[in-house]
Amino acid sequence: MRVSLSPEFGLPKDLLIHKEQSGQKFSEQLNAAAKTHLKYQMDLEFNAINEIGQRLCKKMLLKDLKEYRQRIAEFLKICISQGFSFKENYFQTRYGRSKVLSMIKIVNQKLIDLAQELLSENRDSLKVMALVDEISGLLLDIYA
C-alpha cells in the first residue's frame, strides 16, 4: 500500500517554505521571522497595557498605576532598543521658532499627570479615563 503525503504534512504554515521564499537567503528569512516575533510580542504587550489601563479606570488603585507605569516603561524600552520610531515632531510656533516634541517625553508627562490625578483628593474618573486613552493613543503612535 502506498501513502502519498504532501510535504506540508504536520508543519505549521509559518514554517513552510513557499516557492516565492525559496530564493531568499537564510539571513533574510531569519530577519523576517524575528520581525514577526517582535510584532507579536509588541501586540501582546500593548494589549496588556490597555487591559491594565481599563482596570485603572475602573478601580483607580495605586498598585494598578504602578503596574501600568512599569508596563509602559518596558514597552518604551523595547520600542527604542528594537529601532522603532523615536519620533520627534517639529512644530512651528506662532513666533516662527521651531519646537521639538518627543513622543516619549509626552508619554512621561501624561503618566505624571495621571499619577497626580489619582493622588489628589478629588479624583475625577473622566479625567483619569481621558489620560489613559491619551496615553494609549501616544503609545500606538510610537508603535505604528
C-alpha atoms as a PDB file:
ATOM      1  CA  MET A   1       0.000   0.000   0.000  1.00  0.00           C
ATOM      2  CA  ARG A   2       1.330   3.389  -0.965  1.00  0.00           C
ATOM      3  CA  VAL A   3       0.542   6.504   1.025  1.00  0.00           C
ATOM      4  CA  SER A   4       1.295   9.837  -0.502  1.00  0.00           C
ATOM      5  CA  LEU A   5       1.664  12.656   1.963  1.00  0.00           C
ATOM      6  CA  SER A   6       2.148  16.236   0.986  1.00  0.00           C
ATOM      7  CA  PRO A   7       5.472  17.796   2.027  1.00  0.00           C
ATOM      8  CA  GLU A   8       3.480  20.137   4.262  1.00  0.00           C
ATOM      9  CA  PHE A   9       2.137  17.334   6.418  1.00  0.00           C
ATOM     10  CA  GLY A  10       2.209  18.252  10.095  1.00  0.00           C
ATOM     11  CA  LEU A  11       4.122  21.518   9.775  1.00  0.00           C
ATOM     12  CA  PRO A  12       2.706  24.866  10.824  1.00  0.00           C
ATOM     13  CA  LYS A  13       2.113  27.217   7.949  1.00  0.00           C
ATOM     14  CA  ASP A  14       4.660  29.716   9.351  1.00  0.00           C
ATOM     15  CA  LEU A  15       7.446  27.171   8.924  1.00  0.00           C
ATOM     16  CA  LEU A  16       6.649  26.065   5.412  1.00  0.00           C
ATOM     17  CA  ILE A  17       8.961  27.235   2.669  1.00  0.00           C
ATOM     18  CA  HIS A  18       6.973  28.665  -0.157  1.00  0.00           C
ATOM     19  CA  LYS A  19       8.230  28.772  -3.707  1.00  0.00           C
ATOM     20  CA  GLU A  20       8.500  32.555  -3.680  1.00  0.00           C
ATOM     21  CA  GLN A  21      10.603  32.418  -0.481  1.00  0.00           C
ATOM     22  CA  SER A  22      12.907  29.636  -1.610  1.00  0.00           C
ATOM     23  CA  GLY A  23      15.188  32.140  -3.347  1.00  0.00           C
ATOM     24  CA  GLN A  24      15.740  34.177  -0.192  1.00  0.00           C
ATOM     25  CA  LYS A  25      18.848  33.906   1.857  1.00  0.00           C
ATOM     26  CA  PHE A  26      18.720  32.371   5.284  1.00  0.00           C
ATOM     27  CA  SER A  27      19.539  35.696   6.948  1.00  0.00           C
ATOM     28  CA  GLU A  28      16.578  37.361   5.211  1.00  0.00           C
ATOM     29  CA  GLN A  29      14.245  34.612   6.377  1.00  0.00           C
ATOM     30  CA  LEU A  30      15.649  34.865   9.899  1.00  0.00           C
ATOM     31  CA  ASN A  31      15.129  38.646   9.909  1.00  0.00           C
ATOM     32  CA  ALA A  32      11.562  38.212   8.706  1.00  0.00           C
ATOM     33  CA  ALA A  33      10.874  35.652  11.438  1.00  0.00           C
ATOM     34  CA  ALA A  34      12.430  37.951  14.061  1.00  0.00           C
ATOM     35  CA  LYS A  35      10.256  40.855  12.901  1.00  0.00           C
ATOM     36  CA  THR A  36       7.164  38.670  13.060  1.00  0.00           C
ATOM     37  CA  HIS A  37       8.043  37.541  16.579  1.00  0.00           C
ATOM     38  CA  LEU A  38       8.749  41.118  17.676  1.00  0.00           C
ATOM     39  CA  LYS A  39       5.431  42.312  16.263  1.00  0.00           C
ATOM     40  CA  TYR A  40       3.619  39.523  18.101  1.00  0.00           C
ATOM     41  CA  GLN A  41       5.434  40.367  21.342  1.00  0.00           C
ATOM     42  CA  MET A  42       4.651  44.079  20.959  1.00  0.00           C
ATOM     43  CA  ASP A  43       0.976  43.318  20.254  1.00  0.00           C
ATOM     44  CA  LEU A  44       0.765  41.254  23.442  1.00  0.00           C
ATOM     45  CA  GLU A  45       2.454  43.986  25.460  1.00  0.00           C
ATOM     46  CA  PHE A  46       0.217  46.695  24.006  1.00  0.00           C
ATOM     47  CA  ASN A  47      -2.913  44.652  24.764  1.00  0.00           C
ATOM     48  CA  ALA A  48      -1.719  44.057  28.337  1.00  0.00           C
ATOM     49  CA  ILE A  49      -1.185  47.805  28.775  1.00  0.00           C
ATOM     50  CA  ASN A  50      -4.690  48.501  27.529  1.00  0.00           C
ATOM     51  CA  GLU A  51      -6.185  45.921  29.922  1.00  0.00           C
ATOM     52  CA  ILE A  52      -4.335  47.425  32.878  1.00  0.00           C
ATOM     53  CA  GLY A  53      -5.454  50.883  31.757  1.00  0.00           C
ATOM     54  CA  GLN A  54      -9.084  49.780  31.740  1.00  0.00           C
ATOM     55  CA  ARG A  55      -8.686  48.268  35.190  1.00  0.00           C
ATOM     56  CA  LEU A  56      -7.072  51.506  36.356  1.00  0.00           C
ATOM     57  CA  CYS A  57     -10.054  53.496  35.061  1.00  0.00           C
ATOM     58  CA  LYS A  58     -12.497  51.269  36.939  1.00  0.00           C
ATOM     59  CA  LYS A  59     -10.767  50.814  40.277  1.00  0.00           C
ATOM     60  CA  MET A  60      -8.336  53.772  40.440  1.00  0.00           C
ATOM     61  CA  LEU A  61      -5.860  51.932  42.677  1.00  0.00           C
ATOM     62  CA  LEU A  62      -2.234  52.948  43.113  1.00  0.00           C
ATOM     63  CA  LYS A  63      -0.992  49.382  42.591  1.00  0.00           C
ATOM     64  CA  ASP A  64      -2.637  49.403  39.152  1.00  0.00           C
ATOM     65  CA  LEU A  65      -0.948  52.739  38.415  1.00  0.00           C
ATOM     66  CA  LYS A  66       2.414  51.278  39.401  1.00  0.00           C
ATOM     67  CA  GLU A  67       1.909  48.236  37.165  1.00  0.00           C
ATOM     68  CA  TYR A  68       0.663  50.479  34.338  1.00  0.00           C
ATOM     69  CA  ARG A  69       3.777  52.681  34.552  1.00  0.00           C
ATOM     70  CA  GLN A  70       6.096  49.660  34.664  1.00  0.00           C
ATOM     71  CA  ARG A  71       4.462  48.077  31.611  1.00  0.00           C
ATOM     72  CA  ILE A  72       4.682  51.322  29.675  1.00  0.00           C
ATOM     73  CA  ALA A  73       8.349  51.705  30.628  1.00  0.00           C
ATOM     74  CA  GLU A  74       9.069  48.187  29.365  1.00  0.00           C
ATOM     75  CA  PHE A  75       7.099  48.855  26.185  1.00  0.00           C
ATOM     76  CA  LEU A  76       9.075  52.033  25.502  1.00  0.00           C
ATOM     77  CA  LYS A  77      12.405  50.298  26.209  1.00  0.00           C
ATOM     78  CA  ILE A  78      11.547  47.591  23.708  1.00  0.00           C
ATOM     79  CA  CYS A  79      10.462  50.170  21.145  1.00  0.00           C
ATOM     80  CA  ILE A  80      13.679  52.148  21.466  1.00  0.00           C
ATOM     81  CA  SER A  81      16.016  49.147  21.629  1.00  0.00           C
ATOM     82  CA  GLN A  82      14.431  47.474  18.608  1.00  0.00           C
ATOM     83  CA  GLY A  83      14.653  50.577  16.477  1.00  0.00           C
ATOM     84  CA  PHE A  84      11.024  51.557  16.418  1.00  0.00           C
ATOM     85  CA  SER A  85      10.494  55.164  15.641  1.00  0.00           C
ATOM     86  CA  PHE A  86      11.683  57.559  18.271  1.00  0.00           C
ATOM     87  CA  LYS A  87       9.586  60.298  16.803  1.00  0.00           C
ATOM     88  CA  GLU A  88      10.473  63.899  17.121  1.00  0.00           C
ATOM     89  CA  ASN A  89       7.800  66.172  15.818  1.00  0.00           C
ATOM     90  CA  TYR A  90       8.884  69.585  14.649  1.00  0.00           C
ATOM     91  CA  PHE A  91       6.309  72.316  15.057  1.00  0.00           C
ATOM     92  CA  GLN A  92       6.438  75.958  14.175  1.00  0.00           C
ATOM     93  CA  THR A  93       5.304  78.206  16.971  1.00  0.00           C
ATOM     94  CA  ARG A  94       3.334  81.318  16.206  1.00  0.00           C
ATOM     95  CA  TYR A  95       6.538  83.321  16.599  1.00  0.00           C
ATOM     96  CA  GLY A  96       8.333  81.347  13.899  1.00  0.00           C
ATOM     97  CA  ARG A  97      10.505  79.277  16.218  1.00  0.00           C
ATOM     98  CA  SER A  98      10.652  75.549  15.724  1.00  0.00           C
ATOM     99  CA  LYS A  99       9.722  73.377  18.672  1.00  0.00           C
ATOM    100  CA  VAL A 100      10.721  69.724  19.070  1.00  0.00           C
ATOM    101  CA  LEU A 101       8.362  67.448  20.949  1.00  0.00           C
ATOM    102  CA  SER A 102       9.477  63.925  21.508  1.00  0.00           C
ATOM    103  CA  MET A 103       6.698  61.397  21.955  1.00  0.00           C
ATOM    104  CA  ILE A 104       8.422  59.700  24.874  1.00  0.00           C
ATOM    105  CA  LYS A 105       8.609  62.944  26.836  1.00  0.00           C
ATOM    106  CA  ILE A 106       4.917  63.499  26.189  1.00  0.00           C
ATOM    107  CA  VAL A 107       4.054  59.979  27.405  1.00  0.00           C
ATOM    108  CA  ASN A 108       6.147  60.573  30.518  1.00  0.00           C
ATOM    109  CA  GLN A 109       4.374  63.861  31.217  1.00  0.00           C
ATOM    110  CA  LYS A 110       0.953  62.236  30.782  1.00  0.00           C
ATOM    111  CA  LEU A 111       1.939  59.496  33.242  1.00  0.00           C
ATOM    112  CA  ILE A 112       2.918  62.160  35.765  1.00  0.00           C
ATOM    113  CA  ASP A 113      -0.424  63.895  35.220  1.00  0.00           C
ATOM    114  CA  LEU A 114      -2.226  60.586  35.715  1.00  0.00           C
ATOM    115  CA  ALA A 115      -0.370  59.911  38.968  1.00  0.00           C
ATOM    116  CA  GLN A 116      -1.184  63.387  40.247  1.00  0.00           C
ATOM    117  CA  GLU A 117      -4.844  62.914  39.396  1.00  0.00           C
ATOM    118  CA  LEU A 118      -5.000  59.589  41.231  1.00  0.00           C
ATOM    119  CA  LEU A 119      -3.216  61.012  44.261  1.00  0.00           C
ATOM    120  CA  SER A 120      -5.464  64.042  44.512  1.00  0.00           C
ATOM    121  CA  GLU A 121      -8.317  64.017  46.963  1.00  0.00           C
ATOM    122  CA  ASN A 122     -10.867  64.972  44.307  1.00  0.00           C
ATOM    123  CA  ARG A 123     -10.418  62.146  41.836  1.00  0.00           C
ATOM    124  CA  ASP A 124     -12.177  62.765  38.570  1.00  0.00           C
ATOM    125  CA  SER A 125     -12.842  59.452  36.835  1.00  0.00           C
ATOM    126  CA  LEU A 126     -13.478  61.125  33.479  1.00  0.00           C
ATOM    127  CA  LYS A 127     -10.121  62.863  33.615  1.00  0.00           C
ATOM    128  CA  VAL A 128      -8.420  59.569  34.515  1.00  0.00           C
ATOM    129  CA  MET A 129     -10.129  57.839  31.590  1.00  0.00           C
ATOM    130  CA  ALA A 130      -9.132  60.677  29.252  1.00  0.00           C
ATOM    131  CA  LEU A 131      -5.495  60.468  30.340  1.00  0.00           C
ATOM    132  CA  VAL A 132      -5.411  56.680  29.949  1.00  0.00           C
ATOM    133  CA  ASP A 133      -6.910  56.980  26.462  1.00  0.00           C
ATOM    134  CA  GLU A 134      -4.456  59.707  25.534  1.00  0.00           C
ATOM    135  CA  ILE A 135      -1.502  57.619  26.716  1.00  0.00           C
ATOM    136  CA  SER A 136      -2.785  54.627  24.723  1.00  0.00           C
ATOM    137  CA  GLY A 137      -3.031  56.805  21.642  1.00  0.00           C
ATOM    138  CA  LEU A 138       0.517  58.070  22.089  1.00  0.00           C
ATOM    139  CA  LEU A 139       1.821  54.519  22.522  1.00  0.00           C
ATOM    140  CA  LEU A 140       0.003  53.496  19.379  1.00  0.00           C
ATOM    141  CA  ASP A 141       1.637  56.383  17.511  1.00  0.00           C
ATOM    142  CA  ILE A 142       5.075  55.237  18.653  1.00  0.00           C
ATOM    143  CA  TYR A 143       4.332  51.605  17.823  1.00  0.00           C
ATOM    144  CA  ALA A 144       2.712  52.151  14.439  1.00  0.00           C
END
